[in-house]
Amino acid sequence: MKEILEAIGINGPSTVAGFTGGLVNVFWLRKMAPFDVIGALIAGAATANYLGAPLAEVIHFPVGATSFLFGIGGLQITGPLLAMLRRKIFSDGEDRNATP
């Protein structure tokens, strides 16, 4: 199972640490809609999975702790990044998802 997860780019310990950080974020913020809870958990796990280990190496901090912190701030990190990406994609000012 570990080989399959690694083959698709998932690092188990980092993802679990990020998921746990996302769970802490959910309990901290308390009043979240169900979809927002799911988003916080997924964003925390994914952000920690892909950014936790590289940043831990740069700042010389344990991978688990770095991934946990990414999990707590997953939505706060990915939200602005996705907004920036959306602006770059739709640089002509047209938002294709906006209602007319």
N, C-alpha and C. Protein backbone atom coordinates (compact mmCIF):
# COMPACT_ATOMS: atom_id res chain seq x y z
N MET A 1 0.82 -1.19 0.00
CA MET A 1 0.00 0.00 0.00
C MET A 1 0.87 1.26 0.00
N LYS A 2 1.96 1.22 0.77
CA LYS A 2 2.85 2.38 0.86
C LYS A 2 3.42 2.73 -0.51
N GLU A 3 3.77 1.71 -1.29
CA GLU A 3 4.34 1.94 -2.62
C GLU A 3 3.32 2.60 -3.54
N ILE A 4 2.07 2.19 -3.43
CA ILE A 4 1.00 2.77 -4.27
C ILE A 4 0.81 4.25 -3.93
N LEU A 5 0.74 4.54 -2.63
CA LEU A 5 0.56 5.93 -2.21
C LEU A 5 1.73 6.80 -2.67
N GLU A 6 2.94 6.30 -2.50
CA GLU A 6 4.11 7.06 -2.93
C GLU A 6 4.14 7.23 -4.44
N ALA A 7 3.67 6.24 -5.17
CA ALA A 7 3.64 6.33 -6.63
C ALA A 7 2.72 7.45 -7.12
N ILE A 8 1.66 7.72 -6.35
CA ILE A 8 0.75 8.80 -6.76
C ILE A 8 1.05 10.10 -6.01
N GLY A 9 2.20 10.15 -5.32
CA GLY A 9 2.66 11.39 -4.71
C GLY A 9 2.13 11.67 -3.33
N ILE A 10 1.69 10.64 -2.61
CA ILE A 10 1.16 10.85 -1.27
C ILE A 10 2.15 10.32 -0.24
N ASN A 11 2.58 11.20 0.66
CA ASN A 11 3.46 10.84 1.75
C ASN A 11 2.58 10.65 2.98
N GLY A 12 2.44 9.41 3.44
CA GLY A 12 1.52 9.08 4.52
C GLY A 12 1.67 9.92 5.77
N PRO A 13 2.86 9.96 6.39
CA PRO A 13 3.00 10.73 7.63
C PRO A 13 2.71 12.23 7.46
N SER A 14 3.15 12.82 6.37
CA SER A 14 2.88 14.24 6.15
C SER A 14 1.39 14.49 5.94
N THR A 15 0.74 13.60 5.20
CA THR A 15 -0.69 13.76 4.93
C THR A 15 -1.50 13.60 6.21
N VAL A 16 -1.14 12.64 7.04
CA VAL A 16 -1.85 12.44 8.31
C VAL A 16 -1.63 13.64 9.23
N ALA A 17 -0.41 14.15 9.27
CA ALA A 17 -0.13 15.33 10.10
C ALA A 17 -0.94 16.53 9.60
N GLY A 18 -1.02 16.70 8.30
CA GLY A 18 -1.80 17.80 7.73
C GLY A 18 -3.29 17.64 7.99
N PHE A 19 -3.79 16.41 7.86
CA PHE A 19 -5.20 16.13 8.16
C PHE A 19 -5.50 16.46 9.61
N THR A 20 -4.60 16.07 10.51
CA THR A 20 -4.77 16.35 11.93
C THR A 20 -4.76 17.85 12.19
N GLY A 21 -3.87 18.57 11.52
CA GLY A 21 -3.85 20.02 11.65
C GLY A 21 -5.15 20.63 11.14
N GLY A 22 -5.67 20.10 10.04
CA GLY A 22 -6.96 20.57 9.52
C GLY A 22 -8.09 20.30 10.50
N LEU A 23 -8.03 19.16 11.19
CA LEU A 23 -9.02 18.81 12.19
C LEU A 23 -8.97 19.79 13.37
N VAL A 24 -7.77 20.14 13.79
CA VAL A 24 -7.61 21.14 14.86
C VAL A 24 -8.21 22.47 14.40
N ASN A 25 -7.96 22.83 13.16
CA ASN A 25 -8.51 24.08 12.60
C ASN A 25 -10.04 24.05 12.63
N VAL A 26 -10.64 22.92 12.29
CA VAL A 26 -12.09 22.79 12.29
C VAL A 26 -12.65 22.98 13.70
N PHE A 27 -12.02 22.35 14.69
CA PHE A 27 -12.50 22.49 16.06
C PHE A 27 -12.27 23.90 16.61
N TRP A 28 -11.22 24.54 16.14
CA TRP A 28 -10.90 25.89 16.59
C TRP A 28 -11.92 26.88 16.04
N LEU A 29 -12.24 26.78 14.76
CA LEU A 29 -13.16 27.72 14.13
C LEU A 29 -14.62 27.42 14.49
N ARG A 30 -14.91 26.21 14.84
CA ARG A 30 -16.22 25.72 15.30
C ARG A 30 -17.37 25.88 14.31
N LYS A 31 -17.81 27.06 14.00
CA LYS A 31 -19.01 27.25 13.19
C LYS A 31 -18.65 27.19 11.70
N MET A 32 -18.63 25.99 11.19
CA MET A 32 -18.32 25.78 9.78
C MET A 32 -19.41 24.91 9.17
N ALA A 33 -19.76 25.22 7.94
CA ALA A 33 -20.70 24.39 7.20
C ALA A 33 -20.02 23.05 6.89
N PRO A 34 -20.79 21.99 6.69
CA PRO A 34 -20.20 20.67 6.40
C PRO A 34 -19.22 20.70 5.22
N PHE A 35 -19.57 21.42 4.16
CA PHE A 35 -18.68 21.49 3.00
C PHE A 35 -17.37 22.19 3.38
N ASP A 36 -17.43 23.19 4.24
CA ASP A 36 -16.23 23.90 4.69
C ASP A 36 -15.34 23.00 5.55
N VAL A 37 -15.96 22.14 6.35
CA VAL A 37 -15.20 21.19 7.16
C VAL A 37 -14.42 20.24 6.25
N ILE A 38 -15.10 19.70 5.26
CA ILE A 38 -14.45 18.80 4.31
C ILE A 38 -13.32 19.52 3.59
N GLY A 39 -13.57 20.75 3.17
CA GLY A 39 -12.54 21.54 2.49
C GLY A 39 -11.34 21.80 3.38
N ALA A 40 -11.57 22.09 4.65
CA ALA A 40 -10.46 22.34 5.58
C ALA A 40 -9.61 21.09 5.76
N LEU A 41 -10.25 19.94 5.86
CA LEU A 41 -9.51 18.70 6.05
C LEU A 41 -8.71 18.33 4.80
N ILE A 42 -9.34 18.46 3.64
CA ILE A 42 -8.65 18.12 2.39
C ILE A 42 -7.53 19.12 2.11
N ALA A 43 -7.80 20.41 2.29
CA ALA A 43 -6.77 21.43 2.05
C ALA A 43 -5.60 21.25 3.00
N GLY A 44 -5.89 20.94 4.25
CA GLY A 44 -4.81 20.72 5.22
C GLY A 44 -3.95 19.53 4.86
N ALA A 45 -4.59 18.43 4.50
CA ALA A 45 -3.85 17.22 4.14
C ALA A 45 -3.05 17.42 2.86
N ALA A 46 -3.67 18.01 1.84
CA ALA A 46 -2.98 18.19 0.56
C ALA A 46 -1.84 19.19 0.67
N THR A 47 -2.06 20.29 1.36
CA THR A 47 -1.02 21.30 1.52
C THR A 47 0.17 20.71 2.27
N ALA A 48 -0.11 20.00 3.34
CA ALA A 48 0.96 19.38 4.11
C ALA A 48 1.69 18.32 3.30
N ASN A 49 0.95 17.56 2.51
CA ASN A 49 1.56 16.50 1.71
C ASN A 49 2.57 17.06 0.71
N TYR A 50 2.20 18.11 0.03
CA TYR A 50 3.05 18.61 -1.05
C TYR A 50 4.03 19.70 -0.62
N LEU A 51 3.75 20.42 0.46
CA LEU A 51 4.63 21.52 0.86
C LEU A 51 5.36 21.28 2.18
N GLY A 52 4.87 20.33 2.99
CA GLY A 52 5.46 20.10 4.31
C GLY A 52 6.92 19.68 4.27
N ALA A 53 7.22 18.62 3.55
CA ALA A 53 8.60 18.11 3.51
C ALA A 53 9.58 19.09 2.86
N PRO A 54 9.23 19.69 1.71
CA PRO A 54 10.20 20.64 1.12
C PRO A 54 10.49 21.84 2.03
N LEU A 55 9.46 22.38 2.67
CA LEU A 55 9.69 23.54 3.53
C LEU A 55 10.44 23.12 4.79
N ALA A 56 10.15 21.95 5.33
CA ALA A 56 10.85 21.47 6.52
C ALA A 56 12.35 21.35 6.25
N GLU A 57 12.69 20.93 5.04
CA GLU A 57 14.09 20.82 4.67
C GLU A 57 14.77 22.19 4.60
N VAL A 58 14.04 23.17 4.09
CA VAL A 58 14.59 24.53 3.95
C VAL A 58 14.77 25.20 5.31
N ILE A 59 13.78 25.06 6.20
CA ILE A 59 13.83 25.77 7.49
C ILE A 59 14.43 24.91 8.61
N HIS A 60 14.84 23.68 8.29
CA HIS A 60 15.45 22.78 9.26
C HIS A 60 14.55 22.56 10.47
N PHE A 61 13.33 22.16 10.19
CA PHE A 61 12.32 21.90 11.21
C PHE A 61 11.79 20.49 10.95
N PRO A 62 11.34 19.77 11.96
CA PRO A 62 10.83 18.41 11.72
C PRO A 62 9.67 18.38 10.72
N VAL A 63 9.67 17.38 9.87
CA VAL A 63 8.65 17.27 8.81
C VAL A 63 7.25 17.15 9.41
N GLY A 64 7.10 16.35 10.45
CA GLY A 64 5.78 16.17 11.06
C GLY A 64 5.21 17.47 11.60
N ALA A 65 6.04 18.23 12.29
CA ALA A 65 5.59 19.51 12.85
C ALA A 65 5.26 20.51 11.75
N THR A 66 6.09 20.56 10.73
CA THR A 66 5.84 21.47 9.60
C THR A 66 4.55 21.09 8.89
N SER A 67 4.35 19.81 8.67
CA SER A 67 3.13 19.34 8.01
C SER A 67 1.89 19.63 8.85
N PHE A 68 2.00 19.47 10.16
CA PHE A 68 0.89 19.79 11.05
C PHE A 68 0.53 21.27 10.95
N LEU A 69 1.52 22.13 10.95
CA LEU A 69 1.27 23.57 10.83
C LEU A 69 0.65 23.91 9.48
N PHE A 70 1.09 23.25 8.43
CA PHE A 70 0.46 23.44 7.12
C PHE A 70 -0.99 22.98 7.16
N GLY A 71 -1.26 21.91 7.91
CA GLY A 71 -2.62 21.43 8.04
C GLY A 71 -3.52 22.44 8.72
N ILE A 72 -3.02 23.08 9.75
CA ILE A 72 -3.80 24.10 10.45
C ILE A 72 -4.10 25.27 9.51
N GLY A 73 -3.13 25.67 8.73
CA GLY A 73 -3.32 26.83 7.86
C GLY A 73 -3.59 26.48 6.41
N GLY A 74 -4.03 25.26 6.15
CA GLY A 74 -4.23 24.80 4.77
C GLY A 74 -5.12 25.70 3.94
N LEU A 75 -6.29 26.05 4.46
CA LEU A 75 -7.22 26.91 3.71
C LEU A 75 -6.67 28.32 3.57
N GLN A 76 -6.00 28.81 4.61
CA GLN A 76 -5.45 30.15 4.54
C GLN A 76 -4.28 30.23 3.56
N ILE A 77 -3.63 29.11 3.32
CA ILE A 77 -2.51 29.08 2.37
C ILE A 77 -3.03 28.86 0.95
N THR A 78 -3.90 27.88 0.78
CA THR A 78 -4.35 27.55 -0.57
C THR A 78 -5.33 28.58 -1.13
N GLY A 79 -6.12 29.22 -0.28
CA GLY A 79 -7.09 30.22 -0.76
C GLY A 79 -6.44 31.33 -1.57
N PRO A 80 -5.46 32.04 -1.00
CA PRO A 80 -4.79 33.10 -1.77
C PRO A 80 -4.04 32.57 -3.00
N LEU A 81 -3.46 31.38 -2.90
CA LEU A 81 -2.75 30.81 -4.04
C LEU A 81 -3.72 30.51 -5.19
N LEU A 82 -4.88 29.95 -4.85
CA LEU A 82 -5.88 29.66 -5.89
C LEU A 82 -6.44 30.95 -6.48
N ALA A 83 -6.63 31.97 -5.66
CA ALA A 83 -7.11 33.26 -6.17
C ALA A 83 -6.10 33.87 -7.13
N MET A 84 -4.81 33.77 -6.79
CA MET A 84 -3.77 34.29 -7.67
C MET A 84 -3.74 33.51 -8.98
N LEU A 85 -3.86 32.20 -8.91
CA LEU A 85 -3.88 31.37 -10.10
C LEU A 85 -5.08 31.70 -10.98
N ARG A 86 -6.21 31.92 -10.35
CA ARG A 86 -7.43 32.27 -11.09
C ARG A 86 -7.25 33.61 -11.82
N ARG A 87 -6.61 34.58 -11.15
CA ARG A 87 -6.36 35.88 -11.80
C ARG A 87 -5.41 35.72 -12.98
N LYS A 88 -4.41 34.85 -12.85
CA LYS A 88 -3.48 34.64 -13.95
C LYS A 88 -4.17 33.97 -15.13
N ILE A 89 -5.03 32.99 -14.85
CA ILE A 89 -5.72 32.27 -15.92
C ILE A 89 -6.68 33.20 -16.64
N PHE A 90 -7.42 33.99 -15.87
CA PHE A 90 -8.42 34.89 -16.45
C PHE A 90 -7.90 36.32 -16.43
N SER A 91 -6.69 36.51 -16.92
CA SER A 91 -6.05 37.83 -16.88
C SER A 91 -6.76 38.86 -17.75
N ASP A 92 -7.61 38.40 -18.66
CA ASP A 92 -8.34 39.35 -19.50
C ASP A 92 -9.50 39.99 -18.75
N GLY A 93 -9.66 39.62 -17.45
CA GLY A 93 -10.71 40.20 -16.64
C GLY A 93 -12.02 39.43 -16.71
N GLU A 94 -12.08 38.44 -17.57
CA GLU A 94 -13.31 37.68 -17.71
C GLU A 94 -13.28 36.48 -16.78
N ASP A 95 -14.26 36.37 -15.94
CA ASP A 95 -14.41 35.23 -15.06
C ASP A 95 -15.45 34.30 -15.67
N ARG A 96 -15.00 33.17 -16.17
CA ARG A 96 -15.89 32.27 -16.88
C ARG A 96 -16.90 31.59 -15.97
N ASN A 97 -16.71 31.65 -14.66
CA ASN A 97 -17.66 31.05 -13.74
C ASN A 97 -18.67 32.06 -13.21
N ALA A 98 -18.50 33.33 -13.53
CA ALA A 98 -19.43 34.36 -13.05
C ALA A 98 -20.74 34.24 -13.78
N THR A 99 -21.82 34.59 -13.09
CA THR A 99 -23.12 34.57 -13.73
C THR A 99 -23.31 35.87 -14.52
N PRO A 100 -23.94 35.79 -15.69
CA PRO A 100 -24.10 36.98 -16.54
C PRO A 100 -25.07 37.97 -15.96
